[in-house]
Amino acid sequence: MRWIILFLFFIFSGMILTGFYIKGDNLQSGDLLIGLGISGGVFVVMPLFLFHRWRKREVKDYMLTKDSFKKMREFEGSNEKKRRK
């Protein structure tokens, strides 16, 4: 999955750079390549990247619940005790 994401990233980055390069000669084709590169990056590469990074994680660990507030208060209390010593 990592190599697919990198490959697509370089393809879409190349499209954007090529679009800026040929924009001086052919305005419409340059703008089209830039737009397709940005759209591909936003709608293809970014969701793949986010899925790849978050697929093995529990969303519950990042939600604010009563238990998480309790753990934060206990952690802050233990830090204050260490500072006082």
PDB file of N, CA and C in Angstrom:
ATOM      1  N   MET A   1       0.835  -1.191   0.000  1.00  0.00           N
ATOM      2  CA  MET A   1       0.000   0.000   0.000  1.00  0.00           C
ATOM      3  C   MET A   1       0.877   1.252   0.000  1.00  0.00           C
ATOM      4  N   ARG A   2       1.979   1.188   0.745  1.00  0.00           N
ATOM      5  CA  ARG A   2       2.861   2.357   0.835  1.00  0.00           C
ATOM      6  C   ARG A   2       3.423   2.727  -0.531  1.00  0.00           C
ATOM      7  N   TRP A   3       3.800   1.707  -1.301  1.00  0.00           N
ATOM      8  CA  TRP A   3       4.403   1.969  -2.608  1.00  0.00           C
ATOM      9  C   TRP A   3       3.378   2.501  -3.598  1.00  0.00           C
ATOM     10  N   ILE A   4       2.149   2.061  -3.480  1.00  0.00           N
ATOM     11  CA  ILE A   4       1.088   2.584  -4.349  1.00  0.00           C
ATOM     12  C   ILE A   4       0.860   4.057  -4.057  1.00  0.00           C
ATOM     13  N   ILE A   5       0.814   4.394  -2.777  1.00  0.00           N
ATOM     14  CA  ILE A   5       0.596   5.795  -2.387  1.00  0.00           C
ATOM     15  C   ILE A   5       1.756   6.662  -2.877  1.00  0.00           C
ATOM     16  N   LEU A   6       2.985   6.201  -2.700  1.00  0.00           N
ATOM     17  CA  LEU A   6       4.143   6.965  -3.180  1.00  0.00           C
ATOM     18  C   LEU A   6       4.124   7.123  -4.698  1.00  0.00           C
ATOM     19  N   PHE A   7       3.795   6.047  -5.398  1.00  0.00           N
ATOM     20  CA  PHE A   7       3.733   6.095  -6.854  1.00  0.00           C
ATOM     21  C   PHE A   7       2.693   7.113  -7.321  1.00  0.00           C
ATOM     22  N   LEU A   8       1.500   7.053  -6.744  1.00  0.00           N
ATOM     23  CA  LEU A   8       0.454   8.001  -7.122  1.00  0.00           C
ATOM     24  C   LEU A   8       0.831   9.431  -6.754  1.00  0.00           C
ATOM     25  N   PHE A   9       1.465   9.592  -5.604  1.00  0.00           N
ATOM     26  CA  PHE A   9       1.900  10.929  -5.195  1.00  0.00           C
ATOM     27  C   PHE A   9       2.865  11.529  -6.221  1.00  0.00           C
ATOM     28  N   PHE A  10       3.832  10.725  -6.654  1.00  0.00           N
ATOM     29  CA  PHE A  10       4.793  11.233  -7.639  1.00  0.00           C
ATOM     30  C   PHE A  10       4.142  11.471  -9.001  1.00  0.00           C
ATOM     31  N   ILE A  11       3.180  10.652  -9.378  1.00  0.00           N
ATOM     32  CA  ILE A  11       2.465  10.860 -10.638  1.00  0.00           C
ATOM     33  C   ILE A  11       1.714  12.193 -10.600  1.00  0.00           C
ATOM     34  N   PHE A  12       0.944  12.416  -9.538  1.00  0.00           N
ATOM     35  CA  PHE A  12       0.157  13.652  -9.456  1.00  0.00           C
ATOM     36  C   PHE A  12       1.051  14.876  -9.258  1.00  0.00           C
ATOM     37  N   SER A  13       2.141  14.731  -8.529  1.00  0.00           N
ATOM     38  CA  SER A  13       3.088  15.842  -8.395  1.00  0.00           C
ATOM     39  C   SER A  13       3.726  16.159  -9.749  1.00  0.00           C
ATOM     40  N   GLY A  14       4.045  15.127 -10.497  1.00  0.00           N
ATOM     41  CA  GLY A  14       4.593  15.329 -11.837  1.00  0.00           C
ATOM     42  C   GLY A  14       3.605  16.019 -12.759  1.00  0.00           C
ATOM     43  N   MET A  15       2.329  15.675 -12.624  1.00  0.00           N
ATOM     44  CA  MET A  15       1.308  16.345 -13.430  1.00  0.00           C
ATOM     45  C   MET A  15       1.251  17.836 -13.100  1.00  0.00           C
ATOM     46  N   ILE A  16       1.326  18.160 -11.825  1.00  0.00           N
ATOM     47  CA  ILE A  16       1.274  19.576 -11.422  1.00  0.00           C
ATOM     48  C   ILE A  16       2.491  20.321 -11.949  1.00  0.00           C
ATOM     49  N   LEU A  17       3.677  19.738 -11.770  1.00  0.00           N
ATOM     50  CA  LEU A  17       4.898  20.398 -12.245  1.00  0.00           C
ATOM     51  C   LEU A  17       4.907  20.535 -13.769  1.00  0.00           C
ATOM     52  N   THR A  18       4.453  19.506 -14.462  1.00  0.00           N
ATOM     53  CA  THR A  18       4.376  19.579 -15.927  1.00  0.00           C
ATOM     54  C   THR A  18       3.381  20.648 -16.345  1.00  0.00           C
ATOM     55  N   GLY A  19       2.282  20.753 -15.623  1.00  0.00           N
ATOM     56  CA  GLY A  19       1.293  21.782 -15.925  1.00  0.00           C
ATOM     57  C   GLY A  19       1.866  23.180 -15.784  1.00  0.00           C
ATOM     58  N   PHE A  20       2.649  23.410 -14.747  1.00  0.00           N
ATOM     59  CA  PHE A  20       3.278  24.719 -14.596  1.00  0.00           C
ATOM     60  C   PHE A  20       4.328  24.963 -15.680  1.00  0.00           C
ATOM     61  N   TYR A  21       5.000  23.904 -16.098  1.00  0.00           N
ATOM     62  CA  TYR A  21       6.028  24.047 -17.123  1.00  0.00           C
ATOM     63  C   TYR A  21       5.420  24.407 -18.482  1.00  0.00           C
ATOM     64  N   ILE A  22       4.352  23.726 -18.873  1.00  0.00           N
ATOM     65  CA  ILE A  22       3.771  23.991 -20.197  1.00  0.00           C
ATOM     66  C   ILE A  22       2.737  25.102 -20.178  1.00  0.00           C
ATOM     67  N   LYS A  23       2.457  25.651 -19.017  1.00  0.00           N
ATOM     68  CA  LYS A  23       1.451  26.710 -18.912  1.00  0.00           C
ATOM     69  C   LYS A  23       1.854  27.943 -19.719  1.00  0.00           C
ATOM     70  N   GLY A  24       3.159  28.183 -19.856  1.00  0.00           N
ATOM     71  CA  GLY A  24       3.608  29.340 -20.624  1.00  0.00           C
ATOM     72  C   GLY A  24       3.286  29.221 -22.099  1.00  0.00           C
ATOM     73  N   ASP A  25       3.325  28.011 -22.649  1.00  0.00           N
ATOM     74  CA  ASP A  25       3.049  27.798 -24.070  1.00  0.00           C
ATOM     75  C   ASP A  25       1.574  27.552 -24.347  1.00  0.00           C
ATOM     76  N   ASN A  26       0.970  26.704 -23.546  1.00  0.00           N
ATOM     77  CA  ASN A  26      -0.423  26.315 -23.779  1.00  0.00           C
ATOM     78  C   ASN A  26      -1.188  26.450 -22.467  1.00  0.00           C
ATOM     79  N   LEU A  27      -1.912  27.541 -22.326  1.00  0.00           N
ATOM     80  CA  LEU A  27      -2.562  27.881 -21.070  1.00  0.00           C
ATOM     81  C   LEU A  27      -3.609  26.849 -20.663  1.00  0.00           C
ATOM     82  N   GLN A  28      -4.444  26.406 -21.605  1.00  0.00           N
ATOM     83  CA  GLN A  28      -5.513  25.477 -21.257  1.00  0.00           C
ATOM     84  C   GLN A  28      -4.979  24.116 -20.822  1.00  0.00           C
ATOM     85  N   SER A  29      -4.019  23.583 -21.532  1.00  0.00           N
ATOM     86  CA  SER A  29      -3.468  22.278 -21.168  1.00  0.00           C
ATOM     87  C   SER A  29      -2.729  22.350 -19.833  1.00  0.00           C
ATOM     88  N   GLY A  30      -2.029  23.439 -19.600  1.00  0.00           N
ATOM     89  CA  GLY A  30      -1.332  23.607 -18.328  1.00  0.00           C
ATOM     90  C   GLY A  30      -2.292  23.659 -17.165  1.00  0.00           C
ATOM     91  N   ASP A  31      -3.355  24.444 -17.313  1.00  0.00           N
ATOM     92  CA  ASP A  31      -4.357  24.527 -16.252  1.00  0.00           C
ATOM     93  C   ASP A  31      -5.056  23.188 -16.039  1.00  0.00           C
ATOM     94  N   LEU A  32      -5.313  22.462 -17.124  1.00  0.00           N
ATOM     95  CA  LEU A  32      -5.947  21.152 -17.008  1.00  0.00           C
ATOM     96  C   LEU A  32      -5.062  20.178 -16.225  1.00  0.00           C
ATOM     97  N   LEU A  33      -3.782  20.134 -16.548  1.00  0.00           N
ATOM     98  CA  LEU A  33      -2.876  19.231 -15.830  1.00  0.00           C
ATOM     99  C   LEU A  33      -2.744  19.611 -14.360  1.00  0.00           C
ATOM    100  N   ILE A  34      -2.657  20.892 -14.079  1.00  0.00           N
ATOM    101  CA  ILE A  34      -2.579  21.341 -12.684  1.00  0.00           C
ATOM    102  C   ILE A  34      -3.843  20.950 -11.932  1.00  0.00           C
ATOM    103  N   GLY A  35      -4.994  21.176 -12.531  1.00  0.00           N
ATOM    104  CA  GLY A  35      -6.265  20.819 -11.890  1.00  0.00           C
ATOM    105  C   GLY A  35      -6.418  19.328 -11.666  1.00  0.00           C
ATOM    106  N   LEU A  36      -6.046  18.527 -12.673  1.00  0.00           N
ATOM    107  CA  LEU A  36      -6.132  17.075 -12.511  1.00  0.00           C
ATOM    108  C   LEU A  36      -5.158  16.572 -11.456  1.00  0.00           C
ATOM    109  N   GLY A  37      -3.967  17.157 -11.400  1.00  0.00           N
ATOM    110  CA  GLY A  37      -2.982  16.751 -10.396  1.00  0.00           C
ATOM    111  C   GLY A  37      -3.435  17.057  -8.986  1.00  0.00           C
ATOM    112  N   ILE A  38      -3.991  18.241  -8.803  1.00  0.00           N
ATOM    113  CA  ILE A  38      -4.478  18.622  -7.474  1.00  0.00           C
ATOM    114  C   ILE A  38      -5.692  17.785  -7.085  1.00  0.00           C
ATOM    115  N   SER A  39      -6.619  17.594  -8.021  1.00  0.00           N
ATOM    116  CA  SER A  39      -7.812  16.790  -7.737  1.00  0.00           C
ATOM    117  C   SER A  39      -7.435  15.346  -7.409  1.00  0.00           C
ATOM    118  N   GLY A  40      -6.513  14.789  -8.170  1.00  0.00           N
ATOM    119  CA  GLY A  40      -6.071  13.426  -7.893  1.00  0.00           C
ATOM    120  C   GLY A  40      -5.399  13.311  -6.547  1.00  0.00           C
ATOM    121  N   GLY A  41      -4.616  14.319  -6.201  1.00  0.00           N
ATOM    122  CA  GLY A  41      -3.965  14.297  -4.895  1.00  0.00           C
ATOM    123  C   GLY A  41      -4.951  14.375  -3.751  1.00  0.00           C
ATOM    124  N   VAL A  42      -5.964  15.216  -3.920  1.00  0.00           N
ATOM    125  CA  VAL A  42      -6.934  15.415  -2.843  1.00  0.00           C
ATOM    126  C   VAL A  42      -7.922  14.256  -2.748  1.00  0.00           C
ATOM    127  N   PHE A  43      -8.413  13.777  -3.894  1.00  0.00           N
ATOM    128  CA  PHE A  43      -9.482  12.785  -3.869  1.00  0.00           C
ATOM    129  C   PHE A  43      -9.001  11.334  -3.979  1.00  0.00           C
ATOM    130  N   VAL A  44      -7.746  11.106  -4.299  1.00  0.00           N
ATOM    131  CA  VAL A  44      -7.236   9.737  -4.414  1.00  0.00           C
ATOM    132  C   VAL A  44      -6.127   9.473  -3.398  1.00  0.00           C
ATOM    133  N   VAL A  45      -5.072  10.293  -3.448  1.00  0.00           N
ATOM    134  CA  VAL A  45      -3.904  10.025  -2.604  1.00  0.00           C
ATOM    135  C   VAL A  45      -4.199  10.272  -1.134  1.00  0.00           C
ATOM    136  N   MET A  46      -4.845  11.383  -0.810  1.00  0.00           N
ATOM    137  CA  MET A  46      -5.093  11.693   0.598  1.00  0.00           C
ATOM    138  C   MET A  46      -5.985  10.657   1.285  1.00  0.00           C
ATOM    139  N   PRO A  47      -7.116  10.232   0.688  1.00  0.00           N
ATOM    140  CA  PRO A  47      -7.899   9.185   1.361  1.00  0.00           C
ATOM    141  C   PRO A  47      -7.140   7.862   1.507  1.00  0.00           C
ATOM    142  N   LEU A  48      -6.359   7.495   0.496  1.00  0.00           N
ATOM    143  CA  LEU A  48      -5.550   6.280   0.613  1.00  0.00           C
ATOM    144  C   LEU A  48      -4.535   6.405   1.741  1.00  0.00           C
ATOM    145  N   PHE A  49      -3.894   7.562   1.841  1.00  0.00           N
ATOM    146  CA  PHE A  49      -2.924   7.796   2.903  1.00  0.00           C
ATOM    147  C   PHE A  49      -3.590   7.727   4.273  1.00  0.00           C
ATOM    148  N   LEU A  50      -4.734   8.382   4.423  1.00  0.00           N
ATOM    149  CA  LEU A  50      -5.426   8.377   5.714  1.00  0.00           C
ATOM    150  C   LEU A  50      -5.885   6.973   6.088  1.00  0.00           C
ATOM    151  N   PHE A  51      -6.394   6.226   5.117  1.00  0.00           N
ATOM    152  CA  PHE A  51      -6.796   4.850   5.385  1.00  0.00           C
ATOM    153  C   PHE A  51      -5.594   4.011   5.814  1.00  0.00           C
ATOM    154  N   HIS A  52      -4.488   4.177   5.121  1.00  0.00           N
ATOM    155  CA  HIS A  52      -3.272   3.423   5.430  1.00  0.00           C
ATOM    156  C   HIS A  52      -2.768   3.728   6.842  1.00  0.00           C
ATOM    157  N   ARG A  53      -2.818   4.991   7.246  1.00  0.00           N
ATOM    158  CA  ARG A  53      -2.289   5.374   8.551  1.00  0.00           C
ATOM    159  C   ARG A  53      -3.219   4.997   9.705  1.00  0.00           C
ATOM    160  N   TRP A  54      -4.535   4.937   9.478  1.00  0.00           N
ATOM    161  CA  TRP A  54      -5.487   4.752  10.558  1.00  0.00           C
ATOM    162  C   TRP A  54      -6.128   3.375  10.593  1.00  0.00           C
ATOM    163  N   ARG A  55      -5.772   2.460   9.705  1.00  0.00           N
ATOM    164  CA  ARG A  55      -6.513   1.209   9.618  1.00  0.00           C
ATOM    165  C   ARG A  55      -6.327   0.297  10.825  1.00  0.00           C
ATOM    166  N   LYS A  56      -5.229   0.384  11.555  1.00  0.00           N
ATOM    167  CA  LYS A  56      -4.995  -0.498  12.694  1.00  0.00           C
ATOM    168  C   LYS A  56      -5.206   0.202  14.031  1.00  0.00           C
ATOM    169  N   ARG A  57      -5.853   1.316  14.026  1.00  0.00           N
ATOM    170  CA  ARG A  57      -6.034   2.079  15.263  1.00  0.00           C
ATOM    171  C   ARG A  57      -7.488   2.050  15.689  1.00  0.00           C
ATOM    172  N   GLU A  58      -7.678   2.198  16.971  1.00  0.00           N
ATOM    173  CA  GLU A  58      -9.017   2.255  17.528  1.00  0.00           C
ATOM    174  C   GLU A  58      -9.433   3.712  17.669  1.00  0.00           C
ATOM    175  N   VAL A  59     -10.573   4.059  17.125  1.00  0.00           N
ATOM    176  CA  VAL A  59     -11.075   5.428  17.224  1.00  0.00           C
ATOM    177  C   VAL A  59     -11.415   5.753  18.670  1.00  0.00           C
ATOM    178  N   LYS A  60     -11.796   4.751  19.428  1.00  0.00           N
ATOM    179  CA  LYS A  60     -12.166   4.936  20.827  1.00  0.00           C
ATOM    180  C   LYS A  60     -11.009   5.521  21.641  1.00  0.00           C
ATOM    181  N   ASP A  61      -9.784   5.217  21.263  1.00  0.00           N
ATOM    182  CA  ASP A  61      -8.628   5.735  21.995  1.00  0.00           C
ATOM    183  C   ASP A  61      -8.471   7.243  21.851  1.00  0.00           C
ATOM    184  N   TYR A  62      -9.056   7.820  20.808  1.00  0.00           N
ATOM    185  CA  TYR A  62      -8.900   9.249  20.540  1.00  0.00           C
ATOM    186  C   TYR A  62     -10.153  10.059  20.848  1.00  0.00           C
ATOM    187  N   MET A  63     -11.181   9.415  21.361  1.00  0.00           N
ATOM    188  CA  MET A  63     -12.415  10.116  21.705  1.00  0.00           C
ATOM    189  C   MET A  63     -12.362  10.584  23.157  1.00  0.00           C
ATOM    190  N   LEU A  64     -12.984  11.717  23.414  1.00  0.00           N
ATOM    191  CA  LEU A  64     -13.046  12.228  24.782  1.00  0.00           C
ATOM    192  C   LEU A  64     -14.255  11.629  25.486  1.00  0.00           C
ATOM    193  N   THR A  65     -13.983  10.770  26.433  1.00  0.00           N
ATOM    194  CA  THR A  65     -15.026  10.129  27.233  1.00  0.00           C
ATOM    195  C   THR A  65     -14.739  10.400  28.703  1.00  0.00           C
ATOM    196  N   LYS A  66     -15.634   9.930  29.555  1.00  0.00           N
ATOM    197  CA  LYS A  66     -15.425  10.114  30.993  1.00  0.00           C
ATOM    198  C   LYS A  66     -14.152   9.402  31.444  1.00  0.00           C
ATOM    199  N   ASP A  67     -13.898   8.231  30.886  1.00  0.00           N
ATOM    200  CA  ASP A  67     -12.684   7.494  31.254  1.00  0.00           C
ATOM    201  C   ASP A  67     -11.421   8.242  30.832  1.00  0.00           C
ATOM    202  N   SER A  68     -11.450   8.836  29.644  1.00  0.00           N
ATOM    203  CA  SER A  68     -10.256   9.555  29.191  1.00  0.00           C
ATOM    204  C   SER A  68     -10.014  10.809  30.037  1.00  0.00           C
ATOM    205  N   PHE A  69     -11.097  11.490  30.444  1.00  0.00           N
ATOM    206  CA  PHE A  69     -10.930  12.645  31.331  1.00  0.00           C
ATOM    207  C   PHE A  69     -10.350  12.209  32.684  1.00  0.00           C
ATOM    208  N   LYS A  70     -10.824  11.066  33.173  1.00  0.00           N
ATOM    209  CA  LYS A  70     -10.322  10.552  34.444  1.00  0.00           C
ATOM    210  C   LYS A  70      -8.829  10.235  34.348  1.00  0.00           C
ATOM    211  N   LYS A  71      -8.408   9.607  33.246  1.00  0.00           N
ATOM    212  CA  LYS A  71      -6.990   9.294  33.057  1.00  0.00           C
ATOM    213  C   LYS A  71      -6.152  10.561  32.963  1.00  0.00           C
ATOM    214  N   MET A  72      -6.680  11.596  32.272  1.00  0.00           N
ATOM    215  CA  MET A  72      -5.941  12.856  32.146  1.00  0.00           C
ATOM    216  C   MET A  72      -5.772  13.517  33.510  1.00  0.00           C
ATOM    217  N   ARG A  73      -6.827  13.508  34.328  1.00  0.00           N
ATOM    218  CA  ARG A  73      -6.732  14.115  35.667  1.00  0.00           C
ATOM    219  C   ARG A  73      -5.735  13.362  36.542  1.00  0.00           C
ATOM    220  N   GLU A  74      -5.759  12.044  36.459  1.00  0.00           N
ATOM    221  CA  GLU A  74      -4.799  11.254  37.235  1.00  0.00           C
ATOM    222  C   GLU A  74      -3.371  11.510  36.776  1.00  0.00           C
ATOM    223  N   PHE A  75      -3.183  11.643  35.475  1.00  0.00           N
ATOM    224  CA  PHE A  75      -1.856  11.913  34.931  1.00  0.00           C
ATOM    225  C   PHE A  75      -1.358  13.288  35.356  1.00  0.00           C
ATOM    226  N   GLU A  76      -2.246  14.292  35.320  1.00  0.00           N
ATOM    227  CA  GLU A  76      -1.864  15.633  35.763  1.00  0.00           C
ATOM    228  C   GLU A  76      -1.529  15.635  37.248  1.00  0.00           C
ATOM    229  N   GLY A  77      -2.292  14.892  38.043  1.00  0.00           N
ATOM    230  CA  GLY A  77      -2.025  14.808  39.474  1.00  0.00           C
ATOM    231  C   GLY A  77      -0.684  14.170  39.765  1.00  0.00           C
ATOM    232  N   SER A  78      -0.326  13.136  39.022  1.00  0.00           N
ATOM    233  CA  SER A  78       0.967  12.486  39.246  1.00  0.00           C
ATOM    234  C   SER A  78       2.104  13.402  38.823  1.00  0.00           C
ATOM    235  N   ASN A  79       1.912  14.202  37.778  1.00  0.00           N
ATOM    236  CA  ASN A  79       2.947  15.158  37.348  1.00  0.00           C
ATOM    237  C   ASN A  79       3.161  16.261  38.374  1.00  0.00           C
ATOM    238  N   GLU A  80       2.077  16.713  38.995  1.00  0.00           N
ATOM    239  CA  GLU A  80       2.201  17.754  40.014  1.00  0.00           C
ATOM    240  C   GLU A  80       2.958  17.238  41.244  1.00  0.00           C
ATOM    241  N   LYS A  81       2.739  15.993  41.601  1.00  0.00           N
ATOM    242  CA  LYS A  81       3.438  15.402  42.753  1.00  0.00           C
ATOM    243  C   LYS A  81       4.920  15.305  42.446  1.00  0.00           C
ATOM    244  N   LYS A  82       5.279  14.966  41.215  1.00  0.00           N
ATOM    245  CA  LYS A  82       6.687  14.864  40.850  1.00  0.00           C
ATOM    246  C   LYS A  82       7.351  16.240  40.873  1.00  0.00           C
ATOM    247  N   ARG A  83       6.635  17.273  40.481  1.00  0.00           N
ATOM    248  CA  ARG A  83       7.202  18.629  40.469  1.00  0.00           C
ATOM    249  C   ARG A  83       7.469  19.139  41.867  1.00  0.00           C
ATOM    250  N   ARG A  84       6.596  18.771  42.814  1.00  0.00           N
ATOM    251  CA  ARG A  84       6.720  19.269  44.184  1.00  0.00           C
ATOM    252  C   ARG A  84       7.924  18.658  44.904  1.00  0.00           C
ATOM    253  N   LYS A  85       8.338  17.485  44.483  1.00  0.00           N
ATOM    254  CA  LYS A  85       9.450  16.815  45.163  1.00  0.00           C
ATOM    255  C   LYS A  85      10.726  17.449  44.886  1.00  0.00           C
TER     256      LYS A  85
END
